[in-house]
Amino acid sequence: MKYVVMKRLAVSACALALLSGALTACVPLVLGAATGGSLVATDRRTSGAQLEDEGIELRGVSRVRTNLGERVHVNLTSFNRQVLLTGEVPSLQDKQLVEQIVSRVENVSSVVNELAVMGNSTLTQRSSDALVTGRVKAAMVDAPDLFANSFKVVTESGTTYLMGRVTQREADRGTEVVRATSGVQKVVRILEIISEEELKRILPPAPKPLPAATK
């Protein structure tokens, strides 16, 4: 119980940070959340892939900003070298240009382009999305049959995107949890499905029970 409470507090802190960032951001380009060092041990990507994803996000955002400036609002999230683009752009040409720019970033394997052709979202809309993401993460932490850190959650205009390396069972259960979360209008899965056998290989070994105290 103590461990669950600690995880809930961590998720709440992350949600607050997301909301604070959404309220104070002045530029329309937003960098996807980087992987914290404390999550490395439970992340199913290799440490090299995690570092590459952080580099992809940094370089991708920088190059989009250099080429398109502030007329677009682009969120770039990389997981295992697969990039998700969300946000808004003023034209179809800009949508295609952003994808071309990001696809040329070093180590990118594929791009899922979910950019909407419309005016930039407001700070109120972005704050609402951040709160939904926080609720989704908290709901996953509360689900005893899910490893919450195995999913990367992104919410844009009420649509929640799920990224991660998970089994089919986890994918279906995670989707069920997200759909039941307040504020989620649609769920899009961009998941790498692994087998139950592979999951057993990458999970850390269970801790050995402590020896019984002798009298």
Protein backbone atom coordinates (compact mmCIF):
# COMPACT_ATOMS: atom_id res chain seq x y z
CA MET A 1 0.00 0.00 0.00
CA LYS A 2 2.82 2.40 0.87
CA TYR A 3 4.42 1.76 -2.55
CA VAL A 4 1.15 2.51 -4.37
CA VAL A 5 0.72 5.75 -2.43
CA MET A 6 4.26 6.81 -3.31
CA LYS A 7 3.63 6.08 -6.98
CA ARG A 8 0.37 8.07 -6.88
CA LEU A 9 2.24 11.03 -5.37
CA ALA A 10 4.85 10.81 -8.12
CA VAL A 11 2.17 10.75 -10.81
CA SER A 12 0.38 13.70 -9.21
CA ALA A 13 3.63 15.66 -9.21
CA CYS A 14 4.14 14.87 -12.88
CA ALA A 15 0.61 15.99 -13.72
CA LEU A 16 1.16 19.24 -11.85
CA ALA A 17 4.40 19.80 -13.74
CA LEU A 18 2.64 19.16 -17.04
CA LEU A 19 -0.11 21.62 -16.16
CA SER A 20 2.40 24.23 -15.02
CA GLY A 21 4.33 23.86 -18.26
CA ALA A 22 1.18 24.19 -20.32
CA LEU A 23 0.15 27.35 -18.49
CA THR A 24 3.52 29.08 -18.69
CA ALA A 25 4.65 28.07 -22.17
CA CYS A 26 4.99 31.01 -24.54
CA VAL A 27 6.17 29.21 -27.66
CA PRO A 28 3.94 26.84 -29.61
CA LEU A 29 6.56 24.11 -29.97
CA VAL A 30 6.56 21.72 -27.03
CA LEU A 31 9.08 18.99 -26.31
CA GLY A 32 7.75 15.58 -25.29
CA ALA A 33 8.53 14.55 -21.72
CA ALA A 34 12.02 13.12 -21.41
CA THR A 35 12.64 9.86 -19.65
CA GLY A 36 13.70 10.41 -16.04
CA GLY A 37 16.72 8.59 -14.70
CA SER A 38 14.60 6.88 -12.02
CA LEU A 39 12.58 5.14 -14.74
CA VAL A 40 15.54 3.61 -16.55
CA ALA A 41 15.41 0.46 -14.42
CA THR A 42 11.74 -0.21 -15.27
CA ASP A 43 11.77 1.00 -18.87
CA ARG A 44 11.55 -1.82 -21.40
CA ARG A 45 13.72 0.00 -23.90
CA THR A 46 17.46 -0.47 -23.80
CA SER A 47 19.40 2.34 -22.16
CA GLY A 48 20.80 3.19 -25.61
CA ALA A 49 17.32 3.48 -27.10
CA GLN A 50 16.23 5.75 -24.24
CA LEU A 51 19.14 8.10 -24.88
CA GLU A 52 18.47 8.05 -28.61
CA ASP A 53 14.80 8.91 -28.01
CA GLU A 54 15.79 11.91 -25.91
CA GLY A 55 18.19 13.03 -28.64
CA ILE A 56 15.52 12.57 -31.32
CA GLU A 57 13.07 14.74 -29.39
CA LEU A 58 15.63 17.50 -28.81
CA ARG A 59 16.92 17.58 -32.39
CA GLY A 60 13.47 17.19 -33.92
CA VAL A 61 11.94 20.07 -31.99
CA SER A 62 14.93 22.29 -32.73
CA ARG A 63 14.80 21.61 -36.47
CA VAL A 64 11.05 22.14 -36.71
CA ARG A 65 11.35 25.41 -34.82
CA THR A 66 14.19 26.56 -37.07
CA ASN A 67 12.23 25.85 -40.24
CA LEU A 68 8.67 26.77 -39.22
CA GLY A 69 9.03 29.10 -36.29
CA GLU A 70 6.03 29.84 -34.09
CA ARG A 71 3.29 29.45 -36.67
CA VAL A 72 2.93 25.78 -35.71
CA HIS A 73 2.31 23.94 -32.45
CA VAL A 74 4.08 20.58 -32.69
CA ASN A 75 4.53 17.99 -29.96
CA LEU A 76 7.19 15.41 -30.75
CA THR A 77 7.31 12.18 -28.74
CA SER A 78 9.81 9.41 -29.48
CA PHE A 79 9.61 5.87 -28.15
CA ASN A 80 12.07 3.21 -29.29
CA ARG A 81 12.95 5.44 -32.27
CA GLN A 82 9.34 5.70 -33.43
CA VAL A 83 8.15 9.30 -33.46
CA LEU A 84 4.62 10.52 -32.79
CA LEU A 85 3.74 14.00 -34.07
CA THR A 86 0.74 15.73 -32.50
CA GLY A 87 -0.45 19.32 -32.43
CA GLU A 88 -1.63 21.78 -35.04
CA VAL A 89 -0.28 23.26 -38.28
CA PRO A 90 -1.88 25.86 -40.57
CA SER A 91 -1.70 23.86 -43.83
CA LEU A 92 -1.32 20.40 -45.32
CA GLN A 93 2.01 21.50 -46.78
CA ASP A 94 3.27 22.35 -43.29
CA LYS A 95 2.07 18.97 -42.00
CA GLN A 96 4.04 17.18 -44.70
CA LEU A 97 7.08 19.43 -44.17
CA VAL A 98 7.19 18.69 -40.43
CA GLU A 99 7.12 14.96 -41.15
CA GLN A 100 9.92 15.28 -43.70
CA ILE A 101 12.06 17.27 -41.29
CA VAL A 102 11.59 14.82 -38.44
CA SER A 103 12.05 11.72 -40.60
CA ARG A 104 15.57 12.98 -41.45
CA VAL A 105 16.61 13.24 -37.79
CA GLU A 106 19.31 10.74 -36.86
CA ASN A 107 18.08 7.38 -35.48
CA VAL A 108 14.39 7.91 -36.39
CA SER A 109 12.95 4.62 -37.66
CA SER A 110 9.38 5.76 -38.43
CA VAL A 111 7.01 8.71 -38.01
CA VAL A 112 3.31 8.62 -37.09
CA ASN A 113 1.92 11.97 -38.23
CA GLU A 114 -1.19 12.93 -36.23
CA LEU A 115 -0.86 16.68 -36.80
CA ALA A 116 -4.18 18.46 -37.32
CA VAL A 117 -4.55 21.16 -39.99
CA MET A 118 -6.14 23.93 -37.95
CA GLY A 119 -5.32 26.91 -35.76
CA ASN A 120 -3.06 26.44 -32.74
CA SER A 121 -4.75 25.15 -29.59
CA THR A 122 -5.22 27.49 -26.65
CA LEU A 123 -3.42 27.27 -23.32
CA THR A 124 -6.74 26.21 -21.77
CA GLN A 125 -7.00 23.28 -24.19
CA ARG A 126 -3.40 22.25 -23.56
CA SER A 127 -3.95 22.45 -19.79
CA SER A 128 -7.00 20.20 -20.13
CA ASP A 129 -4.96 17.67 -22.12
CA ALA A 130 -2.23 17.71 -19.47
CA LEU A 131 -4.79 16.98 -16.76
CA VAL A 132 -6.22 14.09 -18.78
CA THR A 133 -2.73 12.64 -19.20
CA GLY A 134 -2.23 12.87 -15.44
CA ARG A 135 -5.53 11.09 -14.79
CA VAL A 136 -4.63 8.32 -17.25
CA LYS A 137 -1.25 7.75 -15.62
CA ALA A 138 -2.83 7.66 -12.16
CA ALA A 139 -5.45 5.16 -13.36
CA MET A 140 -2.71 2.93 -14.75
CA VAL A 141 -0.81 3.06 -11.47
CA ASP A 142 -3.99 2.01 -9.67
CA ALA A 143 -4.47 -0.99 -12.00
CA PRO A 144 -2.75 -3.91 -10.21
CA ASP A 145 -2.37 -5.90 -13.44
CA LEU A 146 -0.48 -3.18 -15.34
CA PHE A 147 3.10 -1.88 -15.30
CA ALA A 148 2.32 1.84 -15.64
CA ASN A 149 5.88 2.73 -16.65
CA SER A 150 5.60 0.47 -19.69
CA PHE A 151 3.31 3.01 -21.36
CA LYS A 152 4.07 6.49 -22.61
CA VAL A 153 0.90 8.61 -22.58
CA VAL A 154 0.25 11.65 -24.79
CA THR A 155 -3.04 13.54 -24.95
CA GLU A 156 -3.91 16.03 -27.70
CA SER A 157 -7.36 17.62 -28.12
CA GLY A 158 -9.00 14.89 -26.05
CA THR A 159 -7.35 12.03 -27.96
CA THR A 160 -5.02 9.92 -25.82
CA TYR A 161 -2.15 8.14 -27.55
CA LEU A 162 -0.46 5.10 -26.01
CA MET A 163 3.11 4.18 -26.87
CA GLY A 164 5.24 1.41 -25.38
CA ARG A 165 6.51 -2.17 -25.59
CA VAL A 166 3.73 -4.32 -24.17
CA THR A 167 2.05 -7.69 -24.59
CA GLN A 168 -1.32 -8.01 -26.29
CA ARG A 169 -2.86 -8.58 -22.87
CA GLU A 170 -1.32 -5.37 -21.54
CA ALA A 171 -2.35 -3.44 -24.64
CA ASP A 172 -5.98 -4.50 -24.29
CA ARG A 173 -6.08 -3.90 -20.54
CA GLY A 174 -4.34 -0.53 -20.85
CA THR A 175 -6.82 0.56 -23.52
CA GLU A 176 -9.69 -0.47 -21.25
CA VAL A 177 -8.29 1.62 -18.40
CA VAL A 178 -7.72 4.67 -20.61
CA ARG A 179 -11.20 4.56 -22.15
CA ALA A 180 -12.72 4.60 -18.66
CA THR A 181 -10.75 7.72 -17.68
CA SER A 182 -12.62 11.00 -17.44
CA GLY A 183 -11.81 13.42 -20.27
CA VAL A 184 -10.59 10.81 -22.77
CA GLN A 185 -12.57 11.12 -26.01
CA LYS A 186 -10.58 8.69 -28.16
CA VAL A 187 -7.71 6.22 -27.74
CA VAL A 188 -5.03 5.66 -30.39
CA ARG A 189 -2.57 2.81 -29.83
CA ILE A 190 0.96 3.10 -31.24
CA LEU A 191 2.29 0.08 -29.43
CA GLU A 192 5.05 -2.42 -30.06
CA ILE A 193 3.54 -5.80 -29.18
CA ILE A 194 5.86 -8.34 -27.58
CA SER A 195 5.20 -11.92 -26.51
CA GLU A 196 4.62 -13.02 -22.93
CA GLU A 197 7.89 -14.99 -23.17
CA GLU A 198 9.82 -11.87 -24.16
CA LEU A 199 8.20 -9.98 -21.30
CA LYS A 200 9.45 -12.58 -18.83
CA ARG A 201 12.98 -12.21 -20.23
CA ILE A 202 13.11 -8.43 -19.86
CA LEU A 203 11.40 -8.14 -16.47
CA PRO A 204 13.78 -7.87 -13.51
CA PRO A 205 13.87 -10.98 -11.30
CA ALA A 206 11.53 -10.98 -8.32
CA PRO A 207 13.27 -10.17 -5.03
CA LYS A 208 14.10 -13.17 -2.89
CA PRO A 209 12.10 -13.45 0.34
CA LEU A 210 13.95 -12.50 3.50
CA PRO A 211 14.95 -15.41 5.72
CA ALA A 212 12.67 -16.01 8.68
CA ALA A 213 13.96 -14.53 11.90
CA THR A 214 15.31 -17.07 14.35
CA LYS A 215 14.47 -16.93 18.01
